[in-house]
Amino acid sequence: MPIRCSTPSNACCQSCKPQARRGEHSRSAAIVHKEGTMTTIDTYLTNGAQILSTLPRQPLEHVAAILRQARHEGRRIFIFGNGGSAATAAHFTVDLLKGTRDEAKPHFKAICLNDNIPTLTALANDIGYDAVFSEPLASLAEPGDVAIAISGSGNSTNVLRAMVTAREHRLVSIGLTGFSGGRLKDLVDVAIIVPSTSMQLIEDAHLAILHAIFVDLCTS
């Protein structure tokens, strides 16, 4: 008696279905999948390269100058974001703390506000998620310090609230965003806006931008 699947569906195990001759369908399926993936990947990478090639350089150079001055004056640099932007913030913090070390120069004092999970969750639970960046800034920042916010949309409420706090405490503020800049662009001293509506391309560009700034800091 043939074995029948007790839960037939499109996701049914292949062993429950009639088997084609070896290689009959798998070869053509692999070709279609490969061609489709290559087309998507090629388009994505081409778009990403175009975005970076047309991005204005002056804001990046301005940010590098701000960070260079912050290092020289011993200012703290607070970096933060949500989700993928949180990962970018943590990555750039590592670059500043470790990658730029030169015993002949002052060290960067970089702090990633989304790295401290106990503090972040305590603030989110007791005050609200909107306060997870603004509260640490209010406690730690001094006039002349630097705040770097990373937000693909430019409209994350906790990021906007933090930049209001940064302005109140007379910090130098920098925003990396996408789309048309969101509300963030109007709250910062320097805005770097990635001209794209793709969050993935925006996040890619943000990391590339920060790497470009990092390399510049390492060579000067």
N, C-alpha and C. Protein backbone atom coordinates (compact mmCIF):
# COMPACT_ATOMS: atom_id res chain seq x y z
N MET A 1 0.85 -1.20 0.00
CA MET A 1 0.00 0.00 0.00
C MET A 1 0.88 1.24 0.00
N PRO A 2 0.60 2.23 -0.85
CA PRO A 2 1.41 3.44 -0.87
C PRO A 2 1.24 4.25 0.40
N ILE A 3 2.31 4.90 0.83
CA ILE A 3 2.27 5.74 2.02
C ILE A 3 1.72 7.11 1.64
N ARG A 4 0.71 7.56 2.37
CA ARG A 4 0.11 8.87 2.08
C ARG A 4 0.43 9.85 3.21
N CYS A 5 0.68 11.09 2.82
CA CYS A 5 0.98 12.13 3.79
C CYS A 5 -0.28 12.49 4.56
N SER A 6 -0.16 12.60 5.88
CA SER A 6 -1.33 12.91 6.70
C SER A 6 -1.72 14.38 6.63
N THR A 7 -0.80 15.24 6.18
CA THR A 7 -1.09 16.68 6.07
C THR A 7 -0.66 17.19 4.72
N PRO A 8 -1.35 16.77 3.64
CA PRO A 8 -0.93 17.19 2.31
C PRO A 8 -1.02 18.69 2.14
N SER A 9 0.00 19.27 1.57
CA SER A 9 0.02 20.71 1.29
C SER A 9 1.14 20.99 0.32
N ASN A 10 1.24 22.24 -0.10
CA ASN A 10 2.32 22.62 -1.01
C ASN A 10 3.68 22.47 -0.35
N ALA A 11 3.69 22.51 0.99
CA ALA A 11 4.96 22.40 1.70
C ALA A 11 5.28 20.95 2.05
N CYS A 12 4.51 20.00 1.51
CA CYS A 12 4.68 18.59 1.84
C CYS A 12 6.08 18.12 1.51
N CYS A 13 6.56 17.19 2.30
CA CYS A 13 7.89 16.61 2.09
C CYS A 13 7.98 16.02 0.69
N GLN A 14 9.09 16.22 0.04
CA GLN A 14 9.27 15.74 -1.33
C GLN A 14 9.16 14.22 -1.41
N SER A 15 9.45 13.53 -0.30
CA SER A 15 9.39 12.07 -0.34
C SER A 15 7.97 11.56 -0.49
N CYS A 16 6.97 12.41 -0.25
CA CYS A 16 5.57 12.01 -0.38
C CYS A 16 5.06 12.21 -1.79
N LYS A 17 5.87 12.79 -2.68
CA LYS A 17 5.41 13.10 -4.02
C LYS A 17 6.09 12.18 -5.03
N PRO A 18 5.48 11.98 -6.19
CA PRO A 18 6.12 11.18 -7.23
C PRO A 18 7.45 11.80 -7.59
N GLN A 19 8.47 10.98 -7.75
CA GLN A 19 9.81 11.46 -8.03
C GLN A 19 10.08 11.53 -9.53
N ALA A 20 10.63 12.65 -9.96
CA ALA A 20 11.03 12.78 -11.36
C ALA A 20 12.34 12.05 -11.56
N ARG A 21 12.67 11.82 -12.82
CA ARG A 21 13.95 11.20 -13.10
C ARG A 21 15.06 12.12 -12.62
N ARG A 22 16.18 11.51 -12.23
CA ARG A 22 17.29 12.25 -11.67
C ARG A 22 17.68 13.43 -12.56
N GLY A 23 17.66 14.66 -11.99
CA GLY A 23 18.10 15.85 -12.71
C GLY A 23 17.09 16.43 -13.67
N GLU A 24 15.91 15.80 -13.81
CA GLU A 24 14.96 16.26 -14.84
C GLU A 24 14.50 17.68 -14.60
N HIS A 25 14.11 18.00 -13.32
CA HIS A 25 13.61 19.33 -13.02
C HIS A 25 14.64 20.17 -12.27
N SER A 26 15.49 19.54 -11.49
CA SER A 26 16.40 20.29 -10.63
C SER A 26 17.34 21.17 -11.43
N ARG A 27 17.78 20.68 -12.62
CA ARG A 27 18.74 21.46 -13.40
C ARG A 27 18.10 22.75 -13.93
N SER A 28 16.90 22.63 -14.50
CA SER A 28 16.24 23.82 -15.05
C SER A 28 15.83 24.78 -13.93
N ALA A 29 15.41 24.25 -12.78
CA ALA A 29 15.04 25.10 -11.66
C ALA A 29 16.24 25.89 -11.16
N ALA A 30 17.40 25.23 -11.12
CA ALA A 30 18.61 25.90 -10.65
C ALA A 30 18.99 27.03 -11.60
N ILE A 31 18.81 26.81 -12.89
CA ILE A 31 19.16 27.83 -13.87
C ILE A 31 18.26 29.05 -13.72
N VAL A 32 16.96 28.83 -13.58
CA VAL A 32 16.02 29.94 -13.42
C VAL A 32 16.33 30.71 -12.14
N HIS A 33 16.58 29.97 -11.06
CA HIS A 33 16.88 30.61 -9.78
C HIS A 33 18.16 31.44 -9.89
N LYS A 34 19.15 30.87 -10.50
CA LYS A 34 20.43 31.57 -10.63
C LYS A 34 20.29 32.83 -11.46
N GLU A 35 19.59 32.73 -12.59
CA GLU A 35 19.45 33.89 -13.46
C GLU A 35 18.64 34.99 -12.77
N GLY A 36 17.58 34.58 -12.06
CA GLY A 36 16.76 35.56 -11.37
C GLY A 36 17.52 36.26 -10.27
N THR A 37 18.30 35.50 -9.50
CA THR A 37 19.07 36.08 -8.42
C THR A 37 20.14 37.02 -8.96
N MET A 38 20.81 36.61 -10.01
CA MET A 38 21.86 37.46 -10.58
C MET A 38 21.29 38.79 -11.06
N THR A 39 20.13 38.77 -11.67
CA THR A 39 19.53 40.01 -12.15
C THR A 39 19.20 40.94 -10.98
N THR A 40 18.63 40.39 -9.92
CA THR A 40 18.29 41.18 -8.74
C THR A 40 19.54 41.73 -8.08
N ILE A 41 20.54 40.90 -7.91
CA ILE A 41 21.78 41.33 -7.27
C ILE A 41 22.48 42.41 -8.09
N ASP A 42 22.53 42.20 -9.40
CA ASP A 42 23.19 43.18 -10.27
C ASP A 42 22.51 44.54 -10.17
N THR A 43 21.18 44.54 -10.18
CA THR A 43 20.43 45.79 -10.07
C THR A 43 20.69 46.48 -8.74
N TYR A 44 20.68 45.69 -7.68
CA TYR A 44 20.89 46.24 -6.34
C TYR A 44 22.27 46.87 -6.21
N LEU A 45 23.30 46.15 -6.64
CA LEU A 45 24.66 46.66 -6.53
C LEU A 45 24.89 47.88 -7.42
N THR A 46 24.28 47.88 -8.59
CA THR A 46 24.40 49.03 -9.48
C THR A 46 23.77 50.27 -8.85
N ASN A 47 22.59 50.10 -8.27
CA ASN A 47 21.92 51.22 -7.61
C ASN A 47 22.75 51.74 -6.43
N GLY A 48 23.32 50.81 -5.67
CA GLY A 48 24.14 51.21 -4.53
C GLY A 48 25.36 52.00 -4.95
N ALA A 49 26.00 51.56 -6.02
CA ALA A 49 27.18 52.27 -6.52
C ALA A 49 26.82 53.66 -7.03
N GLN A 50 25.67 53.78 -7.68
CA GLN A 50 25.24 55.08 -8.19
C GLN A 50 24.96 56.06 -7.05
N ILE A 51 24.34 55.56 -6.00
CA ILE A 51 24.04 56.41 -4.85
C ILE A 51 25.32 56.98 -4.25
N LEU A 52 26.30 56.13 -4.04
CA LEU A 52 27.55 56.58 -3.43
C LEU A 52 28.34 57.51 -4.34
N SER A 53 28.28 57.24 -5.65
CA SER A 53 29.06 58.06 -6.59
C SER A 53 28.51 59.47 -6.72
N THR A 54 27.22 59.65 -6.46
CA THR A 54 26.61 60.98 -6.62
C THR A 54 26.42 61.71 -5.28
N LEU A 55 26.80 61.07 -4.20
CA LEU A 55 26.61 61.67 -2.87
C LEU A 55 27.53 62.88 -2.70
N PRO A 56 27.01 64.02 -2.25
CA PRO A 56 27.87 65.19 -2.01
C PRO A 56 28.96 64.87 -0.99
N ARG A 57 30.18 65.29 -1.27
CA ARG A 57 31.31 64.97 -0.39
C ARG A 57 31.49 65.98 0.75
N GLN A 58 31.02 67.20 0.55
CA GLN A 58 31.27 68.25 1.53
C GLN A 58 30.76 67.92 2.93
N PRO A 59 29.53 67.39 3.08
CA PRO A 59 29.08 67.04 4.43
C PRO A 59 29.96 65.98 5.10
N LEU A 60 30.47 65.03 4.33
CA LEU A 60 31.35 64.00 4.90
C LEU A 60 32.64 64.63 5.41
N GLU A 61 33.20 65.54 4.62
CA GLU A 61 34.42 66.22 5.02
C GLU A 61 34.18 67.09 6.26
N HIS A 62 33.00 67.68 6.32
CA HIS A 62 32.63 68.49 7.49
C HIS A 62 32.57 67.63 8.74
N VAL A 63 31.95 66.46 8.64
CA VAL A 63 31.86 65.55 9.78
C VAL A 63 33.26 65.10 10.21
N ALA A 64 34.11 64.77 9.26
CA ALA A 64 35.47 64.36 9.60
C ALA A 64 36.20 65.47 10.36
N ALA A 65 35.99 66.71 9.95
CA ALA A 65 36.63 67.84 10.63
C ALA A 65 36.09 68.00 12.05
N ILE A 66 34.79 67.81 12.22
CA ILE A 66 34.18 67.89 13.55
C ILE A 66 34.76 66.83 14.47
N LEU A 67 34.87 65.61 13.97
CA LEU A 67 35.39 64.51 14.79
C LEU A 67 36.87 64.70 15.09
N ARG A 68 37.60 65.22 14.14
CA ARG A 68 39.02 65.49 14.36
C ARG A 68 39.20 66.52 15.48
N GLN A 69 38.37 67.53 15.47
CA GLN A 69 38.43 68.55 16.52
C GLN A 69 38.01 67.97 17.87
N ALA A 70 36.99 67.11 17.85
CA ALA A 70 36.53 66.48 19.09
C ALA A 70 37.64 65.63 19.71
N ARG A 71 38.38 64.92 18.89
CA ARG A 71 39.51 64.13 19.39
C ARG A 71 40.56 65.04 20.01
N HIS A 72 40.88 66.12 19.32
CA HIS A 72 41.91 67.04 19.79
C HIS A 72 41.51 67.69 21.12
N GLU A 73 40.22 68.00 21.29
CA GLU A 73 39.75 68.69 22.49
C GLU A 73 39.29 67.74 23.59
N GLY A 74 39.34 66.44 23.34
CA GLY A 74 38.91 65.47 24.35
C GLY A 74 37.41 65.41 24.55
N ARG A 75 36.65 65.75 23.52
CA ARG A 75 35.18 65.72 23.61
C ARG A 75 34.67 64.28 23.47
N ARG A 76 33.53 64.03 24.07
CA ARG A 76 32.88 62.73 23.90
C ARG A 76 32.00 62.73 22.66
N ILE A 77 31.93 61.57 22.04
CA ILE A 77 31.13 61.40 20.81
C ILE A 77 30.09 60.33 21.09
N PHE A 78 28.83 60.71 21.10
CA PHE A 78 27.73 59.79 21.37
C PHE A 78 27.10 59.37 20.04
N ILE A 79 26.97 58.07 19.85
CA ILE A 79 26.47 57.54 18.58
C ILE A 79 25.31 56.60 18.88
N PHE A 80 24.25 56.66 18.07
CA PHE A 80 23.08 55.82 18.38
C PHE A 80 22.15 55.68 17.18
N GLY A 81 21.31 54.65 17.26
CA GLY A 81 20.31 54.38 16.23
C GLY A 81 19.48 53.17 16.63
N ASN A 82 18.48 52.85 15.83
CA ASN A 82 17.60 51.71 16.09
C ASN A 82 17.82 50.62 15.04
N GLY A 83 17.63 49.36 15.45
CA GLY A 83 17.68 48.26 14.49
C GLY A 83 19.00 48.18 13.75
N GLY A 84 18.92 48.16 12.41
CA GLY A 84 20.13 48.12 11.60
C GLY A 84 21.02 49.32 11.86
N SER A 85 20.41 50.46 12.13
CA SER A 85 21.19 51.67 12.43
C SER A 85 21.91 51.55 13.77
N ALA A 86 21.34 50.77 14.69
CA ALA A 86 22.04 50.50 15.96
C ALA A 86 23.31 49.72 15.70
N ALA A 87 23.23 48.75 14.78
CA ALA A 87 24.42 47.97 14.42
C ALA A 87 25.47 48.87 13.78
N THR A 88 25.03 49.78 12.92
CA THR A 88 25.96 50.71 12.29
C THR A 88 26.60 51.63 13.33
N ALA A 89 25.81 52.08 14.29
CA ALA A 89 26.34 52.93 15.36
C ALA A 89 27.40 52.19 16.17
N ALA A 90 27.12 50.93 16.51
CA ALA A 90 28.09 50.14 17.26
C ALA A 90 29.36 49.92 16.45
N HIS A 91 29.20 49.66 15.16
CA HIS A 91 30.34 49.42 14.28
C HIS A 91 31.23 50.66 14.21
N PHE A 92 30.64 51.82 14.02
CA PHE A 92 31.43 53.04 13.91
C PHE A 92 32.12 53.37 15.23
N THR A 93 31.47 53.06 16.34
CA THR A 93 32.09 53.27 17.64
C THR A 93 33.36 52.43 17.77
N VAL A 94 33.29 51.18 17.34
CA VAL A 94 34.47 50.31 17.35
C VAL A 94 35.57 50.90 16.47
N ASP A 95 35.20 51.37 15.30
CA ASP A 95 36.19 51.97 14.39
C ASP A 95 36.90 53.14 15.07
N LEU A 96 36.14 54.00 15.73
CA LEU A 96 36.75 55.17 16.37
C LEU A 96 37.62 54.78 17.56
N LEU A 97 37.15 53.84 18.37
CA LEU A 97 37.88 53.47 19.58
C LEU A 97 39.13 52.65 19.29
N LYS A 98 39.02 51.73 18.36
CA LYS A 98 40.13 50.81 18.10
C LYS A 98 40.90 51.14 16.83
N GLY A 99 40.16 51.38 15.74
CA GLY A 99 40.80 51.52 14.45
C GLY A 99 41.65 52.75 14.29
N THR A 100 41.38 53.79 15.07
CA THR A 100 42.12 55.04 14.92
C THR A 100 43.24 55.21 15.94
N ARG A 101 43.48 54.20 16.76
CA ARG A 101 44.45 54.34 17.85
C ARG A 101 45.84 54.66 17.30
N ASP A 102 46.38 55.72 17.83
CA ASP A 102 47.72 56.18 17.47
C ASP A 102 48.30 56.81 18.72
N GLU A 103 49.36 56.22 19.25
CA GLU A 103 49.91 56.70 20.51
C GLU A 103 50.44 58.12 20.40
N ALA A 104 50.63 58.60 19.19
CA ALA A 104 51.11 59.97 19.00
C ALA A 104 49.97 60.99 18.99
N LYS A 105 48.72 60.50 19.04
CA LYS A 105 47.56 61.38 18.98
C LYS A 105 46.61 61.07 20.12
N PRO A 106 45.76 62.03 20.49
CA PRO A 106 44.72 61.74 21.49
C PRO A 106 43.78 60.65 20.98
N HIS A 107 43.21 59.90 21.91
CA HIS A 107 42.27 58.85 21.52
C HIS A 107 40.85 59.42 21.43
N PHE A 108 40.06 58.81 20.57
CA PHE A 108 38.65 59.19 20.50
C PHE A 108 37.91 58.69 21.74
N LYS A 109 36.98 59.48 22.22
CA LYS A 109 36.12 59.10 23.34
C LYS A 109 34.72 58.86 22.80
N ALA A 110 34.51 57.70 22.21
CA ALA A 110 33.24 57.38 21.55
C ALA A 110 32.40 56.46 22.42
N ILE A 111 31.11 56.75 22.49
CA ILE A 111 30.17 55.98 23.29
C ILE A 111 28.95 55.64 22.44
N CYS A 112 28.64 54.36 22.34
CA CYS A 112 27.45 53.93 21.60
C CYS A 112 26.29 53.78 22.59
N LEU A 113 25.28 54.61 22.47
CA LEU A 113 24.19 54.62 23.44
C LEU A 113 23.28 53.41 23.35
N ASN A 114 23.31 52.68 22.23
CA ASN A 114 22.45 51.50 22.14
C ASN A 114 23.17 50.21 22.51
N ASP A 115 24.41 50.31 23.00
CA ASP A 115 25.17 49.11 23.38
C ASP A 115 24.84 48.62 24.78
N ASN A 116 24.44 49.52 25.67
CA ASN A 116 24.19 49.15 27.06
C ASN A 116 22.74 48.66 27.20
N ILE A 117 22.55 47.36 27.03
CA ILE A 117 21.20 46.80 27.02
C ILE A 117 20.48 46.97 28.36
N PRO A 118 21.13 46.73 29.53
CA PRO A 118 20.42 46.93 30.79
C PRO A 118 19.90 48.37 30.95
N THR A 119 20.74 49.35 30.63
CA THR A 119 20.30 50.74 30.75
C THR A 119 19.20 51.06 29.75
N LEU A 120 19.38 50.61 28.52
CA LEU A 120 18.39 50.88 27.48
C LEU A 120 17.02 50.30 27.84
N THR A 121 17.01 49.05 28.30
CA THR A 121 15.73 48.41 28.62
C THR A 121 15.11 48.98 29.89
N ALA A 122 15.95 49.39 30.84
CA ALA A 122 15.41 50.02 32.05
C ALA A 122 14.72 51.34 31.70
N LEU A 123 15.36 52.12 30.86
CA LEU A 123 14.75 53.38 30.44
C LEU A 123 13.48 53.14 29.64
N ALA A 124 13.53 52.15 28.75
CA ALA A 124 12.35 51.84 27.94
C ALA A 124 11.19 51.39 28.80
N ASN A 125 11.49 50.59 29.82
CA ASN A 125 10.45 50.04 30.68
C ASN A 125 9.88 51.07 31.65
N ASP A 126 10.76 51.88 32.23
CA ASP A 126 10.34 52.78 33.30
C ASP A 126 9.90 54.16 32.81
N ILE A 127 10.48 54.60 31.70
CA ILE A 127 10.14 55.93 31.18
C ILE A 127 9.43 55.83 29.84
N GLY A 128 10.00 55.05 28.94
CA GLY A 128 9.44 54.89 27.60
C GLY A 128 10.55 54.79 26.59
N TYR A 129 10.29 54.08 25.50
CA TYR A 129 11.33 53.87 24.50
C TYR A 129 11.77 55.17 23.84
N ASP A 130 10.90 56.15 23.87
CA ASP A 130 11.26 57.44 23.28
C ASP A 130 12.41 58.11 24.02
N ALA A 131 12.69 57.66 25.25
CA ALA A 131 13.69 58.33 26.08
C ALA A 131 15.02 57.59 26.16
N VAL A 132 15.17 56.49 25.44
CA VAL A 132 16.35 55.64 25.65
C VAL A 132 17.66 56.31 25.21
N PHE A 133 17.60 57.30 24.36
CA PHE A 133 18.82 58.02 23.94
C PHE A 133 18.91 59.40 24.60
N SER A 134 17.78 60.05 24.77
CA SER A 134 17.80 61.40 25.33
C SER A 134 18.22 61.42 26.80
N GLU A 135 17.80 60.42 27.56
CA GLU A 135 18.14 60.39 28.98
C GLU A 135 19.65 60.23 29.21
N PRO A 136 20.32 59.27 28.55
CA PRO A 136 21.78 59.19 28.72
C PRO A 136 22.49 60.46 28.27
N LEU A 137 22.02 61.08 27.19
CA LEU A 137 22.63 62.32 26.74
C LEU A 137 22.51 63.41 27.81
N ALA A 138 21.33 63.51 28.40
CA ALA A 138 21.11 64.52 29.43
C ALA A 138 22.01 64.29 30.64
N SER A 139 22.33 63.03 30.92
CA SER A 139 23.16 62.70 32.08
C SER A 139 24.65 62.84 31.80
N LEU A 140 25.08 62.50 30.59
CA LEU A 140 26.50 62.36 30.31
C LEU A 140 27.11 63.50 29.49
N ALA A 141 26.32 64.13 28.65
CA ALA A 141 26.87 65.07 27.68
C ALA A 141 27.19 66.43 28.30
N GLU A 142 28.21 67.06 27.74
CA GLU A 142 28.61 68.40 28.12
C GLU A 142 28.69 69.26 26.86
N PRO A 143 28.55 70.57 27.00
CA PRO A 143 28.65 71.44 25.82
C PRO A 143 29.93 71.18 25.03
N GLY A 144 29.79 71.10 23.72
CA GLY A 144 30.94 70.85 22.87
C GLY A 144 31.11 69.39 22.49
N ASP A 145 30.43 68.48 23.22
CA ASP A 145 30.45 67.07 22.82
C ASP A 145 29.72 66.91 21.49
N VAL A 146 29.79 65.72 20.93
CA VAL A 146 29.20 65.45 19.62
C VAL A 146 28.16 64.35 19.72
N ALA A 147 27.02 64.53 19.08
CA ALA A 147 25.98 63.50 19.00
C ALA A 147 25.78 63.12 17.54
N ILE A 148 25.89 61.82 17.25
CA ILE A 148 25.68 61.31 15.90
C ILE A 148 24.47 60.39 15.90
N ALA A 149 23.42 60.80 15.22
CA ALA A 149 22.20 59.99 15.12
C ALA A 149 22.14 59.34 13.75
N ILE A 150 21.79 58.05 13.73
CA ILE A 150 21.65 57.31 12.48
C ILE A 150 20.21 56.81 12.39
N SER A 151 19.50 57.26 11.37
CA SER A 151 18.09 56.87 11.20
C SER A 151 17.76 56.85 9.72
N GLY A 152 17.41 55.68 9.21
CA GLY A 152 17.10 55.58 7.79
C GLY A 152 15.96 56.49 7.37
N SER A 153 14.93 56.55 8.17
CA SER A 153 13.76 57.38 7.84
C SER A 153 13.95 58.83 8.24
N GLY A 154 14.75 59.05 9.28
CA GLY A 154 14.89 60.39 9.82
C GLY A 154 13.73 60.81 10.69
N ASN A 155 12.88 59.84 11.05
CA ASN A 155 11.68 60.17 11.81
C ASN A 155 11.49 59.32 13.07
N SER A 156 12.50 58.58 13.47
CA SER A 156 12.39 57.77 14.69
C SER A 156 12.25 58.69 15.90
N THR A 157 11.19 58.50 16.66
CA THR A 157 10.87 59.44 17.73
C THR A 157 11.98 59.54 18.77
N ASN A 158 12.57 58.41 19.15
CA ASN A 158 13.61 58.47 20.18
C ASN A 158 14.86 59.18 19.68
N VAL A 159 15.14 59.08 18.39
CA VAL A 159 16.27 59.78 17.79
C VAL A 159 16.00 61.29 17.76
N LEU A 160 14.80 61.66 17.36
CA LEU A 160 14.45 63.09 17.32
C LEU A 160 14.49 63.71 18.71
N ARG A 161 13.98 62.98 19.67
CA ARG A 161 13.99 63.49 21.05
C ARG A 161 15.42 63.67 21.55
N ALA A 162 16.30 62.74 21.18
CA ALA A 162 17.70 62.84 21.59
C ALA A 162 18.36 64.07 20.97
N MET A 163 18.00 64.38 19.73
CA MET A 163 18.61 65.54 19.09
C MET A 163 18.09 66.86 19.66
N VAL A 164 16.88 66.86 20.14
CA VAL A 164 16.39 68.04 20.86
C VAL A 164 17.20 68.22 22.14
N THR A 165 17.45 67.12 22.84
CA THR A 165 18.29 67.17 24.05
C THR A 165 19.70 67.63 23.72
N ALA A 166 20.23 67.13 22.61
CA ALA A 166 21.58 67.54 22.19
C ALA A 166 21.65 69.05 21.96
N ARG A 167 20.61 69.58 21.36
CA ARG A 167 20.58 71.04 21.11
C ARG A 167 20.48 71.80 22.42
N GLU A 168 19.66 71.31 23.34
CA GLU A 168 19.50 71.97 24.64
C GLU A 168 20.81 71.99 25.43
N HIS A 169 21.63 70.95 25.25
CA HIS A 169 22.90 70.85 25.97
C HIS A 169 24.08 71.36 25.15
N ARG A 170 23.79 72.00 24.04
CA ARG A 170 24.79 72.65 23.18
C ARG A 170 25.84 71.66 22.65
N LEU A 171 25.36 70.53 22.19
CA LEU A 171 26.23 69.56 21.52
C LEU A 171 26.30 69.88 20.04
N VAL A 172 27.37 69.44 19.40
CA VAL A 172 27.45 69.48 17.94
C VAL A 172 26.70 68.25 17.44
N SER A 173 25.73 68.43 16.57
CA SER A 173 24.87 67.32 16.17
C SER A 173 25.03 66.96 14.70
N ILE A 174 25.05 65.65 14.46
CA ILE A 174 25.22 65.10 13.12
C ILE A 174 24.13 64.06 12.89
N GLY A 175 23.51 64.08 11.73
CA GLY A 175 22.47 63.10 11.42
C GLY A 175 22.73 62.41 10.10
N LEU A 176 22.66 61.09 10.11
CA LEU A 176 22.71 60.29 8.88
C LEU A 176 21.32 59.74 8.64
N THR A 177 20.76 60.03 7.48
CA THR A 177 19.40 59.61 7.21
C THR A 177 19.24 59.27 5.73
N GLY A 178 18.00 59.02 5.31
CA GLY A 178 17.73 58.69 3.92
C GLY A 178 16.44 59.35 3.48
N PHE A 179 15.83 58.81 2.41
CA PHE A 179 14.60 59.40 1.86
C PHE A 179 14.84 60.89 1.60
N SER A 180 14.01 61.76 2.17
CA SER A 180 14.22 63.21 2.00
C SER A 180 14.79 63.84 3.27
N GLY A 181 15.25 63.01 4.19
CA GLY A 181 15.88 63.52 5.41
C GLY A 181 15.01 63.47 6.63
N GLY A 182 13.69 63.36 6.44
CA GLY A 182 12.78 63.32 7.57
C GLY A 182 12.90 64.57 8.43
N ARG A 183 12.41 64.47 9.64
CA ARG A 183 12.49 65.60 10.57
C ARG A 183 13.89 65.77 11.15
N LEU A 184 14.68 64.71 11.06
CA LEU A 184 16.03 64.75 11.64
C LEU A 184 16.89 65.83 11.00
N LYS A 185 16.75 66.00 9.70
CA LYS A 185 17.63 66.95 8.99
C LYS A 185 17.51 68.37 9.53
N ASP A 186 16.36 68.71 10.11
CA ASP A 186 16.15 70.07 10.62
C ASP A 186 16.58 70.23 12.08
N LEU A 187 17.04 69.13 12.69
CA LEU A 187 17.42 69.17 14.10
C LEU A 187 18.93 69.07 14.31
N VAL A 188 19.68 68.94 13.22
CA VAL A 188 21.12 68.70 13.35
C VAL A 188 21.93 69.81 12.69
N ASP A 189 23.19 69.91 13.10
CA ASP A 189 24.09 70.89 12.50
C ASP A 189 24.57 70.43 11.13
N VAL A 190 24.78 69.13 10.98
CA VAL A 190 25.21 68.57 9.70
C VAL A 190 24.33 67.36 9.38
N ALA A 191 23.69 67.38 8.24
CA ALA A 191 22.85 66.26 7.80
C ALA A 191 23.47 65.60 6.57
N ILE A 192 23.61 64.28 6.64
CA ILE A 192 24.04 63.50 5.48
C ILE A 192 22.84 62.68 5.05
N ILE A 193 22.27 63.02 3.91
CA ILE A 193 21.04 62.39 3.44
C ILE A 193 21.34 61.50 2.25
N VAL A 194 21.06 60.21 2.39
CA VAL A 194 21.24 59.26 1.29
C VAL A 194 19.99 59.33 0.42
N PRO A 195 20.11 59.73 -0.84
CA PRO A 195 18.93 59.94 -1.69
C PRO A 195 18.36 58.63 -2.23
N SER A 196 17.70 57.89 -1.36
CA SER A 196 17.11 56.61 -1.76
C SER A 196 15.87 56.35 -0.92
N THR A 197 14.96 55.55 -1.46
CA THR A 197 13.78 55.12 -0.71
C THR A 197 13.89 53.66 -0.31
N SER A 198 15.05 53.05 -0.55
CA SER A 198 15.30 51.67 -0.15
C SER A 198 16.05 51.66 1.17
N MET A 199 15.44 51.11 2.22
CA MET A 199 16.10 51.10 3.52
C MET A 199 17.41 50.31 3.47
N GLN A 200 17.44 49.25 2.67
CA GLN A 200 18.66 48.45 2.58
C GLN A 200 19.80 49.26 1.95
N LEU A 201 19.50 49.97 0.87
CA LEU A 201 20.53 50.79 0.23
C LEU A 201 20.95 51.94 1.14
N ILE A 202 20.02 52.49 1.87
CA ILE A 202 20.34 53.57 2.81
C ILE A 202 21.28 53.07 3.89
N GLU A 203 20.97 51.91 4.46
CA GLU A 203 21.82 51.36 5.51
C GLU A 203 23.21 51.00 4.98
N ASP A 204 23.27 50.44 3.78
CA ASP A 204 24.57 50.16 3.15
C ASP A 204 25.37 51.44 3.01
N ALA A 205 24.73 52.48 2.50
CA ALA A 205 25.41 53.75 2.26
C ALA A 205 25.90 54.37 3.56
N HIS A 206 25.10 54.27 4.61
CA HIS A 206 25.52 54.83 5.90
C HIS A 206 26.83 54.21 6.38
N LEU A 207 26.94 52.90 6.27
CA LEU A 207 28.17 52.25 6.72
C LEU A 207 29.34 52.64 5.82
N ALA A 208 29.10 52.71 4.52
CA ALA A 208 30.17 53.12 3.60
C ALA A 208 30.61 54.56 3.89
N ILE A 209 29.66 55.43 4.17
CA ILE A 209 29.98 56.82 4.49
C ILE A 209 30.84 56.90 5.75
N LEU A 210 30.44 56.17 6.78
CA LEU A 210 31.19 56.20 8.03
C LEU A 210 32.56 55.56 7.88
N HIS A 211 32.66 54.55 7.03
CA HIS A 211 33.97 53.97 6.75
C HIS A 211 34.86 54.98 6.02
N ALA A 212 34.29 55.73 5.10
CA ALA A 212 35.07 56.76 4.39
C ALA A 212 35.59 57.81 5.37
N ILE A 213 34.73 58.22 6.30
CA ILE A 213 35.14 59.19 7.31
C ILE A 213 36.22 58.60 8.21
N PHE A 214 36.04 57.34 8.59
CA PHE A 214 37.02 56.65 9.43
C PHE A 214 38.39 56.59 8.76
N VAL A 215 38.41 56.22 7.49
CA VAL A 215 39.68 56.15 6.76
C VAL A 215 40.34 57.53 6.70
N ASP A 216 39.53 58.56 6.50
CA ASP A 216 40.07 59.92 6.47
C ASP A 216 40.69 60.29 7.81
N LEU A 217 40.03 59.89 8.90
CA LEU A 217 40.56 60.19 10.23
C LEU A 217 41.86 59.44 10.51
N CYS A 218 41.99 58.27 9.91
CA CYS A 218 43.20 57.47 10.12
C CYS A 218 44.41 58.03 9.39
N THR A 219 44.16 58.86 8.40
CA THR A 219 45.26 59.35 7.56
C THR A 219 45.58 60.81 7.81
N SER A 220 44.97 61.38 8.83
CA SER A 220 45.24 62.80 9.10
C SER A 220 45.17 63.08 10.60
